[in-house]
Amino acid sequence: VTRRPGSAHYITEAGGNTRLLATQELWAETRDPRFEKITVVFRPWRSESHVLSAHLIENDLRGDMGFWDKAIGISALKTKIEGE
């Protein structure tokens, strides 16, 4: 996880949104103590483009991205990098 400067909330830094959502749903549904807390690795904030590129890489490695998803993601990454 990482945290944007000035933000109170943490976000996933390099993928893992689906796993986090599944854990949250398991906790809400079962209240099983195994799902109440998770162990994470904290990484200092780098940039918006770093987070976006890490998520794109994670999704591509898992094979979850079709052609248009990749194209839209790469276009968004290009825009972020140019803005930074």
Protein backbone atom coordinates (compact mmCIF):
# COMPACT_ATOMS: atom_id res chain seq x y z
CA VAL A 1 0.00 0.00 0.00
CA THR A 2 0.96 3.63 -0.32
CA ARG A 3 -0.58 6.98 0.56
CA ARG A 4 -0.79 10.16 -1.45
CA PRO A 5 0.76 13.17 0.31
CA GLY A 6 -1.81 14.82 2.55
CA SER A 7 -4.30 11.95 2.26
CA ALA A 8 -5.69 10.11 5.26
CA HIS A 9 -6.43 6.99 3.23
CA TYR A 10 -4.11 4.29 1.95
CA ILE A 11 -4.41 2.79 -1.54
CA THR A 12 -3.03 -0.30 -3.18
CA GLU A 13 0.24 0.60 -4.83
CA ALA A 14 0.79 -2.17 -7.34
CA GLY A 15 -2.42 -4.07 -7.88
CA GLY A 16 -4.35 -6.15 -5.42
CA ASN A 17 -7.66 -4.29 -5.58
CA THR A 18 -9.59 -7.48 -6.34
CA ARG A 19 -7.95 -9.37 -3.46
CA LEU A 20 -8.64 -6.46 -1.11
CA LEU A 21 -12.28 -6.29 -2.17
CA ALA A 22 -12.68 -10.06 -1.72
CA THR A 23 -11.22 -9.86 1.79
CA GLN A 24 -13.50 -6.95 2.69
CA GLU A 25 -16.54 -8.84 1.42
CA LEU A 26 -15.55 -11.98 3.34
CA TRP A 27 -15.21 -9.91 6.51
CA ALA A 28 -18.59 -8.21 5.98
CA GLU A 29 -20.31 -11.50 5.27
CA THR A 30 -18.73 -13.77 7.89
CA ARG A 31 -17.14 -11.55 10.55
CA ASP A 32 -14.47 -14.27 10.65
CA PRO A 33 -11.39 -12.89 12.48
CA ARG A 34 -9.16 -14.20 9.66
CA PHE A 35 -10.55 -11.45 7.42
CA GLU A 36 -10.60 -8.59 9.93
CA LYS A 37 -6.97 -7.57 9.34
CA ILE A 38 -4.51 -8.09 6.53
CA THR A 39 -0.75 -7.79 6.41
CA VAL A 40 0.53 -5.32 3.85
CA VAL A 41 3.82 -3.80 2.78
CA PHE A 42 3.96 0.00 2.92
CA ARG A 43 5.85 1.77 0.16
CA PRO A 44 6.48 5.53 0.21
CA TRP A 45 4.54 7.58 -2.33
CA ARG A 46 6.28 8.08 -5.67
CA SER A 47 3.76 9.48 -8.14
CA GLU A 48 0.36 8.99 -9.76
CA SER A 49 2.04 7.63 -12.89
CA HIS A 50 3.96 5.07 -10.83
CA VAL A 51 0.76 3.75 -9.22
CA LEU A 52 -1.05 3.61 -12.57
CA SER A 53 1.85 1.85 -14.29
CA ALA A 54 2.15 -0.67 -11.45
CA HIS A 55 -1.56 -1.49 -11.73
CA LEU A 56 -1.33 -1.82 -15.51
CA ILE A 57 1.62 -4.21 -15.17
CA GLU A 58 -0.18 -6.30 -12.53
CA ASN A 59 -3.32 -6.58 -14.66
CA ASP A 60 -1.34 -7.42 -17.79
CA LEU A 61 0.66 -10.14 -16.02
CA ARG A 62 -2.55 -11.74 -14.76
CA GLY A 63 -3.93 -11.68 -18.29
CA ASP A 64 -6.97 -9.64 -17.29
CA MET A 65 -6.57 -6.95 -19.92
CA GLY A 66 -7.92 -6.97 -23.43
CA PHE A 67 -6.58 -4.81 -26.23
CA TRP A 68 -8.85 -1.82 -25.55
CA ASP A 69 -8.22 -1.92 -21.80
CA LYS A 70 -4.47 -1.82 -22.45
CA ALA A 71 -4.83 1.00 -24.98
CA ILE A 72 -6.94 3.11 -22.61
CA GLY A 73 -4.56 2.41 -19.72
CA ILE A 74 -1.47 3.32 -21.72
CA SER A 75 -3.14 6.50 -22.96
CA ALA A 76 -4.03 7.47 -19.39
CA LEU A 77 -0.46 6.71 -18.27
CA LYS A 78 0.95 8.87 -21.07
CA THR A 79 -1.30 11.76 -19.97
CA LYS A 80 -0.22 11.38 -16.31
CA ILE A 81 3.48 11.28 -17.21
CA GLU A 82 3.14 14.37 -19.41
CA GLY A 83 1.34 16.16 -16.56
CA GLU A 84 4.01 15.29 -14.03
